[in-house]
Amino acid sequence: PDLTGHEKFGLGNVKYNISRIYVTAVELPSASISLLPGSGIKLVIGNASLTIDMSWNIRTWMFKDSGRGTVHISKVFVTAVFSTPLDNTSPTSISLTSCRTTSGDIDIKLNGKT
């Protein structure tokens, strides 16, 4: 979905819109899944990266600008634990018990005038 909003900076408001958001690359160089006896599944992703392309525009009382942008997020680490009920009386389901995510570097490049 598009991201739209406004922020107050200095002498006035800045209205922004980020649209046409596309994930263009995902790298998962280290990923593992393990069973946790009696409780569920553990997913670990290490040193992942993600690249996103987008369009952006901003408007203030004094000027407006727009363009394209790229966001590259790297050194992403995710650990997630999913629980699965062991009884046979209910339909199979999976629920997220815990999740921890960290990212190391974020590189944002904005180019003006689409």
PDB file of N, CA and C in Angstrom:
ATOM      1  N   PRO A   1       0.825  -1.212   0.000  1.00  0.00           N
ATOM      2  CA  PRO A   1       0.000   0.000   0.000  1.00  0.00           C
ATOM      3  C   PRO A   1       0.860   1.263   0.000  1.00  0.00           C
ATOM      4  N   ASP A   2       0.287   2.329  -0.484  1.00  0.00           N
ATOM      5  CA  ASP A   2       0.970   3.621  -0.507  1.00  0.00           C
ATOM      6  C   ASP A   2       1.115   4.160   0.919  1.00  0.00           C
ATOM      7  N   LEU A   3       2.131   4.979   1.134  1.00  0.00           N
ATOM      8  CA  LEU A   3       2.342   5.648   2.413  1.00  0.00           C
ATOM      9  C   LEU A   3       2.125   7.138   2.198  1.00  0.00           C
ATOM     10  N   THR A   4       1.161   7.711   2.911  1.00  0.00           N
ATOM     11  CA  THR A   4       0.832   9.121   2.763  1.00  0.00           C
ATOM     12  C   THR A   4       0.738   9.747   4.145  1.00  0.00           C
ATOM     13  N   GLY A   5       1.226  10.975   4.269  1.00  0.00           N
ATOM     14  CA  GLY A   5       1.123  11.640   5.557  1.00  0.00           C
ATOM     15  C   GLY A   5       1.716  13.025   5.529  1.00  0.00           C
ATOM     16  N   HIS A   6       1.916  13.579   6.697  1.00  0.00           N
ATOM     17  CA  HIS A   6       2.530  14.905   6.811  1.00  0.00           C
ATOM     18  C   HIS A   6       3.325  14.985   8.113  1.00  0.00           C
ATOM     19  N   GLU A   7       4.355  15.801   8.072  1.00  0.00           N
ATOM     20  CA  GLU A   7       5.215  16.033   9.229  1.00  0.00           C
ATOM     21  C   GLU A   7       5.433  17.532   9.360  1.00  0.00           C
ATOM     22  N   LYS A   8       5.585  17.989  10.583  1.00  0.00           N
ATOM     23  CA  LYS A   8       5.848  19.414  10.809  1.00  0.00           C
ATOM     24  C   LYS A   8       7.355  19.625  10.953  1.00  0.00           C
ATOM     25  N   PHE A   9       7.900  20.469  10.092  1.00  0.00           N
ATOM     26  CA  PHE A   9       9.318  20.813  10.109  1.00  0.00           C
ATOM     27  C   PHE A   9       9.448  22.329  10.060  1.00  0.00           C
ATOM     28  N   GLY A  10      10.202  22.876  10.996  1.00  0.00           N
ATOM     29  CA  GLY A  10      10.504  24.302  10.974  1.00  0.00           C
ATOM     30  C   GLY A  10       9.285  25.189  10.840  1.00  0.00           C
ATOM     31  N   LEU A  11       9.144  25.827   9.672  1.00  0.00           N
ATOM     32  CA  LEU A  11       8.097  26.823   9.467  1.00  0.00           C
ATOM     33  C   LEU A  11       6.784  26.276   8.918  1.00  0.00           C
ATOM     34  N   GLY A  12       6.701  24.983   8.644  1.00  0.00           N
ATOM     35  CA  GLY A  12       5.445  24.485   8.094  1.00  0.00           C
ATOM     36  C   GLY A  12       5.393  22.974   7.989  1.00  0.00           C
ATOM     37  N   ASN A  13       4.323  22.518   7.374  1.00  0.00           N
ATOM     38  CA  ASN A  13       4.103  21.090   7.197  1.00  0.00           C
ATOM     39  C   ASN A  13       4.695  20.609   5.878  1.00  0.00           C
ATOM     40  N   VAL A  14       5.162  19.379   5.891  1.00  0.00           N
ATOM     41  CA  VAL A  14       5.622  18.701   4.688  1.00  0.00           C
ATOM     42  C   VAL A  14       4.669  17.540   4.450  1.00  0.00           C
ATOM     43  N   LYS A  15       3.985  17.568   3.309  1.00  0.00           N
ATOM     44  CA  LYS A  15       3.104  16.470   2.937  1.00  0.00           C
ATOM     45  C   LYS A  15       3.897  15.535   2.027  1.00  0.00           C
ATOM     46  N   TYR A  16       3.759  14.235   2.252  1.00  0.00           N
ATOM     47  CA  TYR A  16       4.506  13.276   1.448  1.00  0.00           C
ATOM     48  C   TYR A  16       3.624  12.127   0.988  1.00  0.00           C
ATOM     49  N   ASN A  17       4.039  11.497  -0.093  1.00  0.00           N
ATOM     50  CA  ASN A  17       3.367  10.305  -0.599  1.00  0.00           C
ATOM     51  C   ASN A  17       4.437   9.393  -1.193  1.00  0.00           C
ATOM     52  N   ILE A  18       4.440   8.153  -0.755  1.00  0.00           N
ATOM     53  CA  ILE A  18       5.332   7.134  -1.314  1.00  0.00           C
ATOM     54  C   ILE A  18       4.434   6.080  -1.938  1.00  0.00           C
ATOM     55  N   SER A  19       4.597   5.860  -3.243  1.00  0.00           N
ATOM     56  CA  SER A  19       3.707   4.953  -3.963  1.00  0.00           C
ATOM     57  C   SER A  19       4.507   4.037  -4.886  1.00  0.00           C
ATOM     58  N   ARG A  20       3.799   3.151  -5.550  1.00  0.00           N
ATOM     59  CA  ARG A  20       4.420   2.177  -6.470  1.00  0.00           C
ATOM     60  C   ARG A  20       5.586   1.473  -5.801  1.00  0.00           C
ATOM     61  N   ILE A  21       5.331   0.951  -4.611  1.00  0.00           N
ATOM     62  CA  ILE A  21       6.356   0.275  -3.825  1.00  0.00           C
ATOM     63  C   ILE A  21       6.477  -1.172  -4.313  1.00  0.00           C
ATOM     64  N   TYR A  22       7.677  -1.534  -4.776  1.00  0.00           N
ATOM     65  CA  TYR A  22       7.930  -2.881  -5.284  1.00  0.00           C
ATOM     66  C   TYR A  22       9.190  -3.447  -4.655  1.00  0.00           C
ATOM     67  N   VAL A  23       9.098  -4.687  -4.192  1.00  0.00           N
ATOM     68  CA  VAL A  23      10.284  -5.408  -3.738  1.00  0.00           C
ATOM     69  C   VAL A  23      10.964  -5.955  -4.983  1.00  0.00           C
ATOM     70  N   THR A  24      12.199  -5.531  -5.238  1.00  0.00           N
ATOM     71  CA  THR A  24      12.894  -5.939  -6.462  1.00  0.00           C
ATOM     72  C   THR A  24      13.953  -7.005  -6.219  1.00  0.00           C
ATOM     73  N   ALA A  25      14.374  -7.204  -4.968  1.00  0.00           N
ATOM     74  CA  ALA A  25      15.362  -8.240  -4.675  1.00  0.00           C
ATOM     75  C   ALA A  25      15.266  -8.665  -3.216  1.00  0.00           C
ATOM     76  N   VAL A  26      15.401  -9.971  -2.992  1.00  0.00           N
ATOM     77  CA  VAL A  26      15.467 -10.536  -1.646  1.00  0.00           C
ATOM     78  C   VAL A  26      16.584 -11.571  -1.651  1.00  0.00           C
ATOM     79  N   GLU A  27      17.484 -11.477  -0.698  1.00  0.00           N
ATOM     80  CA  GLU A  27      18.554 -12.455  -0.577  1.00  0.00           C
ATOM     81  C   GLU A  27      18.515 -13.055   0.823  1.00  0.00           C
ATOM     82  N   LEU A  28      18.492 -14.393   0.874  1.00  0.00           N
ATOM     83  CA  LEU A  28      18.478 -15.127   2.141  1.00  0.00           C
ATOM     84  C   LEU A  28      19.670 -16.089   2.157  1.00  0.00           C
ATOM     85  N   PRO A  29      20.878 -15.570   2.367  1.00  0.00           N
ATOM     86  CA  PRO A  29      22.056 -16.438   2.284  1.00  0.00           C
ATOM     87  C   PRO A  29      22.143 -17.486   3.393  1.00  0.00           C
ATOM     88  N   SER A  30      21.487 -17.243   4.500  1.00  0.00           N
ATOM     89  CA  SER A  30      21.529 -18.172   5.619  1.00  0.00           C
ATOM     90  C   SER A  30      20.134 -18.278   6.223  1.00  0.00           C
ATOM     91  N   ALA A  31      19.504 -19.433   6.030  1.00  0.00           N
ATOM     92  CA  ALA A  31      18.165 -19.655   6.595  1.00  0.00           C
ATOM     93  C   ALA A  31      18.067 -21.101   7.069  1.00  0.00           C
ATOM     94  N   SER A  32      17.437 -21.293   8.216  1.00  0.00           N
ATOM     95  CA  SER A  32      17.258 -22.649   8.720  1.00  0.00           C
ATOM     96  C   SER A  32      15.924 -22.773   9.442  1.00  0.00           C
ATOM     97  N   ILE A  33      15.393 -23.976   9.408  1.00  0.00           N
ATOM     98  CA  ILE A  33      14.152 -24.307  10.118  1.00  0.00           C
ATOM     99  C   ILE A  33      14.452 -25.514  10.988  1.00  0.00           C
ATOM    100  N   SER A  34      14.051 -25.451  12.238  1.00  0.00           N
ATOM    101  CA  SER A  34      14.252 -26.587  13.135  1.00  0.00           C
ATOM    102  C   SER A  34      12.978 -26.855  13.921  1.00  0.00           C
ATOM    103  N   LEU A  35      12.791 -28.113  14.283  1.00  0.00           N
ATOM    104  CA  LEU A  35      11.640 -28.507  15.092  1.00  0.00           C
ATOM    105  C   LEU A  35      11.977 -28.345  16.561  1.00  0.00           C
ATOM    106  N   LEU A  36      11.040 -27.817  17.316  1.00  0.00           N
ATOM    107  CA  LEU A  36      11.178 -27.692  18.763  1.00  0.00           C
ATOM    108  C   LEU A  36      10.265 -28.759  19.362  1.00  0.00           C
ATOM    109  N   PRO A  37      10.810 -29.825  19.903  1.00  0.00           N
ATOM    110  CA  PRO A  37       9.997 -30.946  20.382  1.00  0.00           C
ATOM    111  C   PRO A  37       8.887 -30.504  21.331  1.00  0.00           C
ATOM    112  N   GLY A  38       7.684 -30.905  20.979  1.00  0.00           N
ATOM    113  CA  GLY A  38       6.531 -30.633  21.812  1.00  0.00           C
ATOM    114  C   GLY A  38       5.982 -29.218  21.738  1.00  0.00           C
ATOM    115  N   SER A  39       6.631 -28.329  20.965  1.00  0.00           N
ATOM    116  CA  SER A  39       6.115 -26.968  20.972  1.00  0.00           C
ATOM    117  C   SER A  39       5.947 -26.334  19.597  1.00  0.00           C
ATOM    118  N   GLY A  40       6.827 -26.622  18.637  1.00  0.00           N
ATOM    119  CA  GLY A  40       6.620 -25.956  17.364  1.00  0.00           C
ATOM    120  C   GLY A  40       7.826 -25.951  16.452  1.00  0.00           C
ATOM    121  N   ILE A  41       8.005 -24.823  15.772  1.00  0.00           N
ATOM    122  CA  ILE A  41       9.020 -24.672  14.732  1.00  0.00           C
ATOM    123  C   ILE A  41       9.778 -23.369  14.967  1.00  0.00           C
ATOM    124  N   LYS A  42      11.089 -23.413  14.750  1.00  0.00           N
ATOM    125  CA  LYS A  42      11.913 -22.218  14.874  1.00  0.00           C
ATOM    126  C   LYS A  42      12.515 -21.901  13.511  1.00  0.00           C
ATOM    127  N   LEU A  43      12.345 -20.665  13.062  1.00  0.00           N
ATOM    128  CA  LEU A  43      12.886 -20.186  11.802  1.00  0.00           C
ATOM    129  C   LEU A  43      13.959 -19.147  12.106  1.00  0.00           C
ATOM    130  N   VAL A  44      15.149 -19.332  11.522  1.00  0.00           N
ATOM    131  CA  VAL A  44      16.239 -18.384  11.721  1.00  0.00           C
ATOM    132  C   VAL A  44      16.746 -17.950  10.347  1.00  0.00           C
ATOM    133  N   ILE A  45      16.769 -16.647  10.116  1.00  0.00           N
ATOM    134  CA  ILE A  45      17.286 -16.080   8.871  1.00  0.00           C
ATOM    135  C   ILE A  45      18.414 -15.135   9.253  1.00  0.00           C
ATOM    136  N   GLY A  46      19.574 -15.334   8.621  1.00  0.00           N
ATOM    137  CA  GLY A  46      20.729 -14.519   8.961  1.00  0.00           C
ATOM    138  C   GLY A  46      21.303 -13.798   7.758  1.00  0.00           C
ATOM    139  N   ASN A  47      21.733 -12.576   7.976  1.00  0.00           N
ATOM    140  CA  ASN A  47      22.404 -11.755   6.977  1.00  0.00           C
ATOM    141  C   ASN A  47      21.604 -11.601   5.676  1.00  0.00           C
ATOM    142  N   ALA A  48      20.316 -11.425   5.803  1.00  0.00           N
ATOM    143  CA  ALA A  48      19.447 -11.250   4.638  1.00  0.00           C
ATOM    144  C   ALA A  48      19.493  -9.802   4.159  1.00  0.00           C
ATOM    145  N   SER A  49      19.020  -9.594   2.929  1.00  0.00           N
ATOM    146  CA  SER A  49      18.926  -8.229   2.413  1.00  0.00           C
ATOM    147  C   SER A  49      17.668  -8.096   1.555  1.00  0.00           C
ATOM    148  N   LEU A  50      17.243  -6.860   1.378  1.00  0.00           N
ATOM    149  CA  LEU A  50      16.007  -6.549   0.678  1.00  0.00           C
ATOM    150  C   LEU A  50      16.188  -5.231  -0.055  1.00  0.00           C
ATOM    151  N   THR A  51      15.749  -5.183  -1.315  1.00  0.00           N
ATOM    152  CA  THR A  51      15.796  -3.937  -2.084  1.00  0.00           C
ATOM    153  C   THR A  51      14.379  -3.578  -2.516  1.00  0.00           C
ATOM    154  N   ILE A  52      14.014  -2.311  -2.320  1.00  0.00           N
ATOM    155  CA  ILE A  52      12.667  -1.817  -2.631  1.00  0.00           C
ATOM    156  C   ILE A  52      12.797  -0.602  -3.542  1.00  0.00           C
ATOM    157  N   ASP A  53      12.028  -0.580  -4.624  1.00  0.00           N
ATOM    158  CA  ASP A  53      11.935   0.594  -5.493  1.00  0.00           C
ATOM    159  C   ASP A  53      10.599   1.282  -5.241  1.00  0.00           C
ATOM    160  N   MET A  54      10.538   2.606  -5.440  1.00  0.00           N
ATOM    161  CA  MET A  54       9.315   3.355  -5.144  1.00  0.00           C
ATOM    162  C   MET A  54       9.306   4.685  -5.887  1.00  0.00           C
ATOM    163  N   SER A  55       8.140   5.285  -5.934  1.00  0.00           N
ATOM    164  CA  SER A  55       7.979   6.668  -6.372  1.00  0.00           C
ATOM    165  C   SER A  55       7.689   7.502  -5.131  1.00  0.00           C
ATOM    166  N   TRP A  56       8.098   8.766  -5.140  1.00  0.00           N
ATOM    167  CA  TRP A  56       7.846   9.631  -3.994  1.00  0.00           C
ATOM    168  C   TRP A  56       7.511  11.037  -4.467  1.00  0.00           C
ATOM    169  N   ASN A  57       6.779  11.753  -3.630  1.00  0.00           N
ATOM    170  CA  ASN A  57       6.589  13.184  -3.861  1.00  0.00           C
ATOM    171  C   ASN A  57       6.369  13.873  -2.525  1.00  0.00           C
ATOM    172  N   ILE A  58       6.845  15.103  -2.452  1.00  0.00           N
ATOM    173  CA  ILE A  58       6.659  15.921  -1.257  1.00  0.00           C
ATOM    174  C   ILE A  58       6.140  17.282  -1.685  1.00  0.00           C
ATOM    175  N   ARG A  59       5.447  17.936  -0.753  1.00  0.00           N
ATOM    176  CA  ARG A  59       4.900  19.270  -1.027  1.00  0.00           C
ATOM    177  C   ARG A  59       4.935  20.076   0.263  1.00  0.00           C
ATOM    178  N   THR A  60       5.442  21.303   0.147  1.00  0.00           N
ATOM    179  CA  THR A  60       5.417  22.247   1.260  1.00  0.00           C
ATOM    180  C   THR A  60       4.749  23.519   0.755  1.00  0.00           C
ATOM    181  N   TRP A  61       4.636  24.511   1.604  1.00  0.00           N
ATOM    182  CA  TRP A  61       4.036  25.776   1.179  1.00  0.00           C
ATOM    183  C   TRP A  61       4.947  26.490   0.187  1.00  0.00           C
ATOM    184  N   MET A  62       6.243  26.111   0.160  1.00  0.00           N
ATOM    185  CA  MET A  62       7.200  26.815  -0.666  1.00  0.00           C
ATOM    186  C   MET A  62       7.580  26.060  -1.954  1.00  0.00           C
ATOM    187  N   PHE A  63       7.579  24.731  -1.933  1.00  0.00           N
ATOM    188  CA  PHE A  63       7.982  23.977  -3.122  1.00  0.00           C
ATOM    189  C   PHE A  63       7.364  22.588  -3.122  1.00  0.00           C
ATOM    190  N   LYS A  64       7.481  21.939  -4.268  1.00  0.00           N
ATOM    191  CA  LYS A  64       7.083  20.546  -4.374  1.00  0.00           C
ATOM    192  C   LYS A  64       8.122  19.829  -5.234  1.00  0.00           C
ATOM    193  N   ASP A  65       8.272  18.522  -5.003  1.00  0.00           N
ATOM    194  CA  ASP A  65       9.241  17.740  -5.750  1.00  0.00           C
ATOM    195  C   ASP A  65       8.758  16.296  -5.786  1.00  0.00           C
ATOM    196  N   SER A  66       9.274  15.546  -6.754  1.00  0.00           N
ATOM    197  CA  SER A  66       8.898  14.140  -6.882  1.00  0.00           C
ATOM    198  C   SER A  66      10.024  13.395  -7.576  1.00  0.00           C
ATOM    199  N   GLY A  67       9.971  12.101  -7.542  1.00  0.00           N
ATOM    200  CA  GLY A  67      10.995  11.295  -8.194  1.00  0.00           C
ATOM    201  C   GLY A  67      10.839   9.825  -7.879  1.00  0.00           C
ATOM    202  N   ARG A  68      11.928   9.095  -8.097  1.00  0.00           N
ATOM    203  CA  ARG A  68      11.994   7.668  -7.821  1.00  0.00           C
ATOM    204  C   ARG A  68      13.009   7.456  -6.714  1.00  0.00           C
ATOM    205  N   GLY A  69      12.898   6.343  -6.029  1.00  0.00           N
ATOM    206  CA  GLY A  69      13.838   6.048  -4.965  1.00  0.00           C
ATOM    207  C   GLY A  69      14.081   4.558  -4.828  1.00  0.00           C
ATOM    208  N   THR A  70      15.205   4.237  -4.207  1.00  0.00           N
ATOM    209  CA  THR A  70      15.560   2.851  -3.911  1.00  0.00           C
ATOM    210  C   THR A  70      15.995   2.771  -2.452  1.00  0.00           C
ATOM    211  N   VAL A  71      15.486   1.755  -1.762  1.00  0.00           N
ATOM    212  CA  VAL A  71      15.884   1.498  -0.384  1.00  0.00           C
ATOM    213  C   VAL A  71      16.503   0.108  -0.347  1.00  0.00           C
ATOM    214  N   HIS A  72      17.722   0.013   0.185  1.00  0.00           N
ATOM    215  CA  HIS A  72      18.388  -1.281   0.322  1.00  0.00           C
ATOM    216  C   HIS A  72      18.629  -1.509   1.810  1.00  0.00           C
ATOM    217  N   ILE A  73      18.061  -2.582   2.340  1.00  0.00           N
ATOM    218  CA  ILE A  73      18.211  -2.939   3.748  1.00  0.00           C
ATOM    219  C   ILE A  73      19.064  -4.204   3.802  1.00  0.00           C
ATOM    220  N   SER A  74      20.157  -4.154   4.567  1.00  0.00           N
ATOM    221  CA  SER A  74      21.039  -5.319   4.631  1.00  0.00           C
ATOM    222  C   SER A  74      21.354  -5.671   6.079  1.00  0.00           C
ATOM    223  N   LYS A  75      22.011  -6.799   6.243  1.00  0.00           N
ATOM    224  CA  LYS A  75      22.347  -7.337   7.564  1.00  0.00           C
ATOM    225  C   LYS A  75      21.092  -7.522   8.408  1.00  0.00           C
ATOM    226  N   VAL A  76      20.065  -8.130   7.781  1.00  0.00           N
ATOM    227  CA  VAL A  76      18.789  -8.389   8.449  1.00  0.00           C
ATOM    228  C   VAL A  76      18.851  -9.772   9.099  1.00  0.00           C
ATOM    229  N   PHE A  77      18.493  -9.835  10.360  1.00  0.00           N
ATOM    230  CA  PHE A  77      18.465 -11.095  11.098  1.00  0.00           C
ATOM    231  C   PHE A  77      17.070 -11.273  11.686  1.00  0.00           C
ATOM    232  N   VAL A  78      16.491 -12.456  11.495  1.00  0.00           N
ATOM    233  CA  VAL A  78      15.139 -12.746  11.981  1.00  0.00           C
ATOM    234  C   VAL A  78      15.159 -14.087  12.710  1.00  0.00           C
ATOM    235  N   THR A  79      14.562 -14.123  13.886  1.00  0.00           N
ATOM    236  CA  THR A  79      14.324 -15.377  14.596  1.00  0.00           C
ATOM    237  C   THR A  79      12.842 -15.399  14.948  1.00  0.00           C
ATOM    238  N   ALA A  80      12.153 -16.430  14.487  1.00  0.00           N
ATOM    239  CA  ALA A  80      10.711 -16.545  14.744  1.00  0.00           C
ATOM    240  C   ALA A  80      10.399 -17.943  15.257  1.00  0.00           C
ATOM    241  N   VAL A  81       9.509 -18.022  16.225  1.00  0.00           N
ATOM    242  CA  VAL A  81       9.065 -19.302  16.766  1.00  0.00           C
ATOM    243  C   VAL A  81       7.561 -19.410  16.535  1.00  0.00           C
ATOM    244  N   PHE A  82       7.163 -20.526  15.922  1.00  0.00           N
ATOM    245  CA  PHE A  82       5.757 -20.798  15.633  1.00  0.00           C
ATOM    246  C   PHE A  82       5.324 -21.978  16.476  1.00  0.00           C
ATOM    247  N   SER A  83       4.135 -21.885  17.067  1.00  0.00           N
ATOM    248  CA  SER A  83       3.616 -23.011  17.844  1.00  0.00           C
ATOM    249  C   SER A  83       2.563 -23.743  17.025  1.00  0.00           C
ATOM    250  N   THR A  84       2.536 -25.037  17.219  1.00  0.00           N
ATOM    251  CA  THR A  84       1.555 -25.893  16.532  1.00  0.00           C
ATOM    252  C   THR A  84       0.903 -26.775  17.580  1.00  0.00           C
ATOM    253  N   PRO A  85      -0.424 -26.766  17.665  1.00  0.00           N
ATOM    254  CA  PRO A  85      -1.093 -27.632  18.644  1.00  0.00           C
ATOM    255  C   PRO A  85      -0.888 -29.104  18.285  1.00  0.00           C
ATOM    256  N   LEU A  86      -0.704 -29.916  19.310  1.00  0.00           N
ATOM    257  CA  LEU A  86      -0.425 -31.330  19.081  1.00  0.00           C
ATOM    258  C   LEU A  86      -1.655 -32.219  19.173  1.00  0.00           C
ATOM    259  N   ASP A  87      -2.806 -31.651  19.535  1.00  0.00           N
ATOM    260  CA  ASP A  87      -3.997 -32.495  19.623  1.00  0.00           C
ATOM    261  C   ASP A  87      -4.602 -32.720  18.237  1.00  0.00           C
ATOM    262  N   ASN A  88      -5.298 -33.808  18.097  1.00  0.00           N
ATOM    263  CA  ASN A  88      -5.918 -34.149  16.821  1.00  0.00           C
ATOM    264  C   ASN A  88      -7.383 -33.754  16.761  1.00  0.00           C
ATOM    265  N   THR A  89      -7.846 -32.978  17.741  1.00  0.00           N
ATOM    266  CA  THR A  89      -9.261 -32.628  17.793  1.00  0.00           C
ATOM    267  C   THR A  89      -9.601 -31.364  17.017  1.00  0.00           C
ATOM    268  N   SER A  90      -8.617 -30.548  16.725  1.00  0.00           N
ATOM    269  CA  SER A  90      -8.901 -29.301  16.014  1.00  0.00           C
ATOM    270  C   SER A  90      -8.138 -29.275  14.697  1.00  0.00           C
ATOM    271  N   PRO A  91      -8.579 -28.416  13.771  1.00  0.00           N
ATOM    272  CA  PRO A  91      -7.846 -28.300  12.505  1.00  0.00           C
ATOM    273  C   PRO A  91      -6.408 -27.829  12.745  1.00  0.00           C
ATOM    274  N   THR A  92      -5.530 -28.200  11.858  1.00  0.00           N
ATOM    275  CA  THR A  92      -4.131 -27.798  11.981  1.00  0.00           C
ATOM    276  C   THR A  92      -4.014 -26.283  11.880  1.00  0.00           C
ATOM    277  N   SER A  93      -3.281 -25.709  12.807  1.00  0.00           N
ATOM    278  CA  SER A  93      -3.062 -24.264  12.787  1.00  0.00           C
ATOM    279  C   SER A  93      -1.652 -23.974  13.265  1.00  0.00           C
ATOM    280  N   ILE A  94      -1.166 -22.820  12.877  1.00  0.00           N
ATOM    281  CA  ILE A  94       0.152 -22.353  13.297  1.00  0.00           C
ATOM    282  C   ILE A  94      -0.003 -20.927  13.787  1.00  0.00           C
ATOM    283  N   SER A  95       0.589 -20.622  14.933  1.00  0.00           N
ATOM    284  CA  SER A  95       0.541 -19.245  15.422  1.00  0.00           C
ATOM    285  C   SER A  95       1.959 -18.788  15.774  1.00  0.00           C
ATOM    286  N   LEU A  96       2.204 -17.510  15.557  1.00  0.00           N
ATOM    287  CA  LEU A  96       3.503 -16.915  15.847  1.00  0.00           C
ATOM    288  C   LEU A  96       3.607 -16.677  17.345  1.00  0.00           C
ATOM    289  N   THR A  97       4.589 -17.327  17.982  1.00  0.00           N
ATOM    290  CA  THR A  97       4.777 -17.206  19.423  1.00  0.00           C
ATOM    291  C   THR A  97       5.719 -16.069  19.767  1.00  0.00           C
ATOM    292  N   SER A  98       6.811 -15.966  19.005  1.00  0.00           N
ATOM    293  CA  SER A  98       7.755 -14.867  19.237  1.00  0.00           C
ATOM    294  C   SER A  98       8.476 -14.545  17.936  1.00  0.00           C
ATOM    295  N   CYS A  99       8.943 -13.291  17.838  1.00  0.00           N
ATOM    296  CA  CYS A  99       9.658 -12.857  16.647  1.00  0.00           C
ATOM    297  C   CYS A  99      10.612 -11.739  17.040  1.00  0.00           C
ATOM    298  N   ARG A 100      11.848 -11.857  16.570  1.00  0.00           N
ATOM    299  CA  ARG A 100      12.850 -10.809  16.812  1.00  0.00           C
ATOM    300  C   ARG A 100      13.525 -10.511  15.485  1.00  0.00           C
ATOM    301  N   THR A 101      13.591  -9.225  15.128  1.00  0.00           N
ATOM    302  CA  THR A 101      14.203  -8.806  13.877  1.00  0.00           C
ATOM    303  C   THR A 101      15.138  -7.639  14.145  1.00  0.00           C
ATOM    304  N   THR A 102      16.309  -7.690  13.523  1.00  0.00           N
ATOM    305  CA  THR A 102      17.230  -6.569  13.573  1.00  0.00           C
ATOM    306  C   THR A 102      17.755  -6.312  12.167  1.00  0.00           C
ATOM    307  N   SER A 103      18.098  -5.065  11.888  1.00  0.00           N
ATOM    308  CA  SER A 103      18.709  -4.745  10.596  1.00  0.00           C
ATOM    309  C   SER A 103      19.934  -3.880  10.867  1.00  0.00           C
ATOM    310  N   GLY A 104      20.956  -4.079  10.049  1.00  0.00           N
ATOM    311  CA  GLY A 104      22.208  -3.371  10.266  1.00  0.00           C
ATOM    312  C   GLY A 104      22.338  -2.094   9.478  1.00  0.00           C
ATOM    313  N   ASP A 105      22.127  -2.166   8.168  1.00  0.00           N
ATOM    314  CA  ASP A 105      22.347  -1.009   7.308  1.00  0.00           C
ATOM    315  C   ASP A 105      21.112  -0.716   6.466  1.00  0.00           C
ATOM    316  N   ILE A 106      20.813   0.572   6.320  1.00  0.00           N
ATOM    317  CA  ILE A 106      19.735   1.008   5.426  1.00  0.00           C
ATOM    318  C   ILE A 106      20.312   2.105   4.545  1.00  0.00           C
ATOM    319  N   ASP A 107      20.243   1.877   3.235  1.00  0.00           N
ATOM    320  CA  ASP A 107      20.763   2.835   2.259  1.00  0.00           C
ATOM    321  C   ASP A 107      19.589   3.355   1.437  1.00  0.00           C
ATOM    322  N   ILE A 108      19.346   4.666   1.462  1.00  0.00           N
ATOM    323  CA  ILE A 108      18.226   5.282   0.736  1.00  0.00           C
ATOM    324  C   ILE A 108      18.773   6.210  -0.331  1.00  0.00           C
ATOM    325  N   LYS A 109      18.341   5.995  -1.570  1.00  0.00           N
ATOM    326  CA  LYS A 109      18.742   6.868  -2.668  1.00  0.00           C
ATOM    327  C   LYS A 109      17.485   7.450  -3.299  1.00  0.00           C
ATOM    328  N   LEU A 110      17.416   8.781  -3.360  1.00  0.00           N
ATOM    329  CA  LEU A 110      16.280   9.469  -3.968  1.00  0.00           C
ATOM    330  C   LEU A 110      16.765  10.224  -5.194  1.00  0.00           C
ATOM    331  N   ASN A 111      16.044  10.060  -6.288  1.00  0.00           N
ATOM    332  CA  ASN A 111      16.327  10.784  -7.526  1.00  0.00           C
ATOM    333  C   ASN A 111      15.158  11.702  -7.817  1.00  0.00           C
ATOM    334  N   GLY A 112      15.400  12.967  -8.092  1.00  0.00           N
ATOM    335  CA  GLY A 112      14.342  13.931  -8.333  1.00  0.00           C
ATOM    336  C   GLY A 112      13.792  13.869  -9.739  1.00  0.00           C
ATOM    337  N   LYS A 113      12.606  14.388  -9.901  1.00  0.00           N
ATOM    338  CA  LYS A 113      11.920  14.528 -11.185  1.00  0.00           C
ATOM    339  C   LYS A 113      11.751  13.210 -11.925  1.00  0.00           C
ATOM    340  N   THR A 114      10.536  12.638 -11.815  1.00  0.00           N
ATOM    341  CA  THR A 114      10.246  11.383 -12.500  1.00  0.00           C
ATOM    342  C   THR A 114      10.089  11.608 -13.975  1.00  0.00           C
TER     343      THR A 114
END
